[in-house]
């Protein structure tokens, strides 16, 4: 058999169980800039639009309360390494200033082997959130501003 009889076209959603749904919603909507999708769904979940998606399924970050469940692991104890959201290369420098203005301590990385630059922050529950951009059109090193500036 050569492979499955289907082709994955896009990421539909990333679902995160939360201890504090309100804090997580505020972070992903107010700080990261994702749009809350209004709908007739339970008070223990929030859907935030990431992109258009594919074939009518919007790409989303889905936040769910962990009520009645074991406390969700976050940070180093989680199986989620990080969540990456794609932006334009020219958005990375303003993102650093924006995050700092919101009291966050962003970290940067240059992934030259694949042609990407990244800005990382930590959400209110300890998950790493990455803004990543293709920088293949740029040349040289040091394209990202110094994160300690």
C-alpha atoms as a PDB file:
ATOM      1  CA  UNK A   1       0.000   0.000   0.000  1.00  0.00           C
ATOM      2  CA  UNK A   2       1.432   3.383  -0.990  1.00  0.00           C
ATOM      3  CA  UNK A   3      -0.351   5.620   1.496  1.00  0.00           C
ATOM      4  CA  UNK A   4      -3.737   6.625   2.850  1.00  0.00           C
ATOM      5  CA  UNK A   5      -6.647   7.261   0.489  1.00  0.00           C
ATOM      6  CA  UNK A   6      -6.857  10.919   1.587  1.00  0.00           C
ATOM      7  CA  UNK A   7      -4.691  14.048   1.689  1.00  0.00           C
ATOM      8  CA  UNK A   8      -4.436  16.254   4.779  1.00  0.00           C
ATOM      9  CA  UNK A   9      -4.945  19.840   3.586  1.00  0.00           C
ATOM     10  CA  UNK A  10      -4.729  22.014   6.693  1.00  0.00           C
ATOM     11  CA  UNK A  11      -4.731  21.981  10.472  1.00  0.00           C
ATOM     12  CA  UNK A  12      -8.338  22.227  11.644  1.00  0.00           C
ATOM     13  CA  UNK A  13      -7.763  23.028  15.296  1.00  0.00           C
ATOM     14  CA  UNK A  14      -5.510  22.815  18.270  1.00  0.00           C
ATOM     15  CA  UNK A  15      -7.455  22.127  21.469  1.00  0.00           C
ATOM     16  CA  UNK A  16      -6.063  23.231  24.823  1.00  0.00           C
ATOM     17  CA  UNK A  17      -7.536  22.240  28.189  1.00  0.00           C
ATOM     18  CA  UNK A  18      -7.398  25.222  30.561  1.00  0.00           C
ATOM     19  CA  UNK A  19      -7.447  25.851  34.278  1.00  0.00           C
ATOM     20  CA  UNK A  20      -8.487  29.520  33.735  1.00  0.00           C
ATOM     21  CA  UNK A  21     -10.600  29.890  30.575  1.00  0.00           C
ATOM     22  CA  UNK A  22     -11.054  33.665  30.992  1.00  0.00           C
ATOM     23  CA  UNK A  23      -7.308  34.354  31.300  1.00  0.00           C
ATOM     24  CA  UNK A  24      -6.506  32.102  28.360  1.00  0.00           C
ATOM     25  CA  UNK A  25      -9.242  33.684  26.210  1.00  0.00           C
ATOM     26  CA  UNK A  26      -7.956  37.180  27.034  1.00  0.00           C
ATOM     27  CA  UNK A  27      -4.390  36.159  26.172  1.00  0.00           C
ATOM     28  CA  UNK A  28      -5.216  34.563  22.820  1.00  0.00           C
ATOM     29  CA  UNK A  29      -7.675  37.294  21.783  1.00  0.00           C
ATOM     30  CA  UNK A  30      -6.182  40.481  23.270  1.00  0.00           C
ATOM     31  CA  UNK A  31      -2.456  39.686  23.192  1.00  0.00           C
ATOM     32  CA  UNK A  32      -2.067  37.227  20.295  1.00  0.00           C
ATOM     33  CA  UNK A  33      -4.892  38.840  18.302  1.00  0.00           C
ATOM     34  CA  UNK A  34      -7.070  35.844  17.448  1.00  0.00           C
ATOM     35  CA  UNK A  35     -10.756  36.540  16.882  1.00  0.00           C
ATOM     36  CA  UNK A  36     -13.254  34.853  19.196  1.00  0.00           C
ATOM     37  CA  UNK A  37     -15.781  32.954  17.081  1.00  0.00           C
ATOM     38  CA  UNK A  38     -19.232  33.652  18.429  1.00  0.00           C
ATOM     39  CA  UNK A  39     -21.570  30.686  18.498  1.00  0.00           C
ATOM     40  CA  UNK A  40     -24.103  28.693  20.386  1.00  0.00           C
ATOM     41  CA  UNK A  41     -21.747  26.481  22.318  1.00  0.00           C
ATOM     42  CA  UNK A  42     -21.115  25.650  25.966  1.00  0.00           C
ATOM     43  CA  UNK A  43     -19.776  28.171  28.491  1.00  0.00           C
ATOM     44  CA  UNK A  44     -16.801  25.886  29.115  1.00  0.00           C
ATOM     45  CA  UNK A  45     -15.257  26.374  25.668  1.00  0.00           C
ATOM     46  CA  UNK A  46     -14.079  29.171  23.388  1.00  0.00           C
ATOM     47  CA  UNK A  47     -13.066  28.962  19.735  1.00  0.00           C
ATOM     48  CA  UNK A  48     -10.614  31.501  18.276  1.00  0.00           C
ATOM     49  CA  UNK A  49     -10.082  31.941  14.535  1.00  0.00           C
ATOM     50  CA  UNK A  50      -6.544  31.386  13.273  1.00  0.00           C
ATOM     51  CA  UNK A  51      -7.185  31.380   9.529  1.00  0.00           C
ATOM     52  CA  UNK A  52      -9.577  30.535   6.745  1.00  0.00           C
ATOM     53  CA  UNK A  53      -8.834  26.837   6.908  1.00  0.00           C
ATOM     54  CA  UNK A  54      -9.898  24.408   4.217  1.00  0.00           C
ATOM     55  CA  UNK A  55     -13.216  23.320   2.727  1.00  0.00           C
ATOM     56  CA  UNK A  56     -15.362  25.290   5.159  1.00  0.00           C
ATOM     57  CA  UNK A  57     -13.560  24.327   8.386  1.00  0.00           C
ATOM     58  CA  UNK A  58     -11.957  27.411   9.899  1.00  0.00           C
ATOM     59  CA  UNK A  59      -8.548  26.855  11.508  1.00  0.00           C
ATOM     60  CA  UNK A  60      -8.987  27.485  15.231  1.00  0.00           C
ATOM     61  CA  UNK A  61      -7.457  27.381  18.666  1.00  0.00           C
ATOM     62  CA  UNK A  62     -10.091  25.729  20.861  1.00  0.00           C
ATOM     63  CA  UNK A  63      -9.949  26.388  24.609  1.00  0.00           C
ATOM     64  CA  UNK A  64     -11.793  24.036  26.978  1.00  0.00           C
ATOM     65  CA  UNK A  65     -12.101  24.216  30.754  1.00  0.00           C
ATOM     66  CA  UNK A  66     -10.712  21.256  32.631  1.00  0.00           C
ATOM     67  CA  UNK A  67     -13.570  21.229  35.158  1.00  0.00           C
ATOM     68  CA  UNK A  68     -14.214  17.783  36.567  1.00  0.00           C
ATOM     69  CA  UNK A  69     -10.980  16.501  35.054  1.00  0.00           C
ATOM     70  CA  UNK A  70      -7.467  16.176  36.368  1.00  0.00           C
ATOM     71  CA  UNK A  71      -5.518  19.432  36.235  1.00  0.00           C
ATOM     72  CA  UNK A  72      -4.072  19.798  32.739  1.00  0.00           C
ATOM     73  CA  UNK A  73      -0.301  19.766  32.500  1.00  0.00           C
ATOM     74  CA  UNK A  74       1.312  22.792  30.886  1.00  0.00           C
ATOM     75  CA  UNK A  75       4.852  23.936  30.246  1.00  0.00           C
ATOM     76  CA  UNK A  76       7.538  21.308  30.739  1.00  0.00           C
ATOM     77  CA  UNK A  77       5.023  18.698  31.995  1.00  0.00           C
ATOM     78  CA  UNK A  78       2.822  18.898  28.914  1.00  0.00           C
ATOM     79  CA  UNK A  79       2.952  16.771  25.801  1.00  0.00           C
ATOM     80  CA  UNK A  80       2.306  20.004  23.832  1.00  0.00           C
ATOM     81  CA  UNK A  81       5.761  21.318  22.962  1.00  0.00           C
ATOM     82  CA  UNK A  82       4.483  24.594  21.480  1.00  0.00           C
ATOM     83  CA  UNK A  83       1.824  26.168  19.294  1.00  0.00           C
ATOM     84  CA  UNK A  84       3.138  27.995  16.199  1.00  0.00           C
ATOM     85  CA  UNK A  85       1.173  30.686  14.384  1.00  0.00           C
ATOM     86  CA  UNK A  86       2.389  32.002  11.025  1.00  0.00           C
ATOM     87  CA  UNK A  87       2.894  35.739  10.479  1.00  0.00           C
ATOM     88  CA  UNK A  88       4.683  37.910   7.904  1.00  0.00           C
ATOM     89  CA  UNK A  89       8.407  38.461   8.484  1.00  0.00           C
ATOM     90  CA  UNK A  90       7.875  42.196   8.928  1.00  0.00           C
ATOM     91  CA  UNK A  91       5.458  41.484  11.808  1.00  0.00           C
ATOM     92  CA  UNK A  92       8.101  39.902  14.046  1.00  0.00           C
ATOM     93  CA  UNK A  93       9.809  43.119  15.245  1.00  0.00           C
ATOM     94  CA  UNK A  94       6.498  44.838  16.131  1.00  0.00           C
ATOM     95  CA  UNK A  95       5.406  41.618  17.875  1.00  0.00           C
ATOM     96  CA  UNK A  96       8.421  41.852  20.201  1.00  0.00           C
ATOM     97  CA  UNK A  97       7.461  45.399  21.238  1.00  0.00           C
ATOM     98  CA  UNK A  98       3.778  44.447  21.567  1.00  0.00           C
ATOM     99  CA  UNK A  99       4.519  41.496  23.802  1.00  0.00           C
ATOM    100  CA  UNK A 100       6.872  43.556  25.982  1.00  0.00           C
ATOM    101  CA  UNK A 101       4.196  46.261  26.310  1.00  0.00           C
ATOM    102  CA  UNK A 102       1.894  43.523  27.642  1.00  0.00           C
ATOM    103  CA  UNK A 103       4.398  42.511  30.322  1.00  0.00           C
ATOM    104  CA  UNK A 104       5.656  39.408  28.538  1.00  0.00           C
ATOM    105  CA  UNK A 105       9.269  38.359  28.021  1.00  0.00           C
ATOM    106  CA  UNK A 106       9.547  37.266  24.383  1.00  0.00           C
ATOM    107  CA  UNK A 107      12.343  35.037  23.166  1.00  0.00           C
ATOM    108  CA  UNK A 108      13.612  34.855  19.600  1.00  0.00           C
ATOM    109  CA  UNK A 109      15.209  32.205  17.431  1.00  0.00           C
ATOM    110  CA  UNK A 110      16.588  32.025  13.919  1.00  0.00           C
ATOM    111  CA  UNK A 111      15.983  28.707  12.183  1.00  0.00           C
ATOM    112  CA  UNK A 112      18.285  29.244   9.199  1.00  0.00           C
ATOM    113  CA  UNK A 113      18.239  25.584   8.153  1.00  0.00           C
ATOM    114  CA  UNK A 114      14.572  25.988   7.182  1.00  0.00           C
ATOM    115  CA  UNK A 115      14.491  29.752   6.549  1.00  0.00           C
ATOM    116  CA  UNK A 116      12.276  30.797   9.490  1.00  0.00           C
ATOM    117  CA  UNK A 117      12.545  33.310  12.318  1.00  0.00           C
ATOM    118  CA  UNK A 118      10.461  33.013  15.476  1.00  0.00           C
ATOM    119  CA  UNK A 119       9.253  34.972  18.485  1.00  0.00           C
ATOM    120  CA  UNK A 120       8.153  32.921  21.505  1.00  0.00           C
ATOM    121  CA  UNK A 121       6.070  33.831  24.558  1.00  0.00           C
ATOM    122  CA  UNK A 122       4.379  31.809  27.265  1.00  0.00           C
ATOM    123  CA  UNK A 123       0.594  31.848  27.722  1.00  0.00           C
ATOM    124  CA  UNK A 124      -1.004  32.229  31.181  1.00  0.00           C
ATOM    125  CA  UNK A 125      -0.904  28.466  31.764  1.00  0.00           C
ATOM    126  CA  UNK A 126       2.693  27.878  30.735  1.00  0.00           C
ATOM    127  CA  UNK A 127       2.284  26.799  27.091  1.00  0.00           C
ATOM    128  CA  UNK A 128       4.795  28.157  24.580  1.00  0.00           C
ATOM    129  CA  UNK A 129       3.269  30.193  21.736  1.00  0.00           C
ATOM    130  CA  UNK A 130       5.424  30.877  18.692  1.00  0.00           C
ATOM    131  CA  UNK A 131       4.984  33.467  15.957  1.00  0.00           C
ATOM    132  CA  UNK A 132       6.915  32.137  12.976  1.00  0.00           C
ATOM    133  CA  UNK A 133       7.710  33.700   9.605  1.00  0.00           C
ATOM    134  CA  UNK A 134       9.514  32.634   6.478  1.00  0.00           C
ATOM    135  CA  UNK A 135      12.569  34.809   5.993  1.00  0.00           C
ATOM    136  CA  UNK A 136      14.024  33.123   2.933  1.00  0.00           C
ATOM    137  CA  UNK A 137      13.735  36.421   1.057  1.00  0.00           C
ATOM    138  CA  UNK A 138      16.140  38.062   3.526  1.00  0.00           C
ATOM    139  CA  UNK A 139      19.834  37.376   3.624  1.00  0.00           C
ATOM    140  CA  UNK A 140      22.432  37.464   6.348  1.00  0.00           C
ATOM    141  CA  UNK A 141      22.096  36.969  10.044  1.00  0.00           C
ATOM    142  CA  UNK A 142      20.822  39.269  12.726  1.00  0.00           C
ATOM    143  CA  UNK A 143      17.560  40.006  10.934  1.00  0.00           C
ATOM    144  CA  UNK A 144      15.596  39.658  14.170  1.00  0.00           C
ATOM    145  CA  UNK A 145      15.969  42.528  16.600  1.00  0.00           C
ATOM    146  CA  UNK A 146      17.938  41.795  19.758  1.00  0.00           C
ATOM    147  CA  UNK A 147      15.403  40.348  22.204  1.00  0.00           C
ATOM    148  CA  UNK A 148      17.026  42.169  25.102  1.00  0.00           C
ATOM    149  CA  UNK A 149      16.505  45.605  23.510  1.00  0.00           C
END
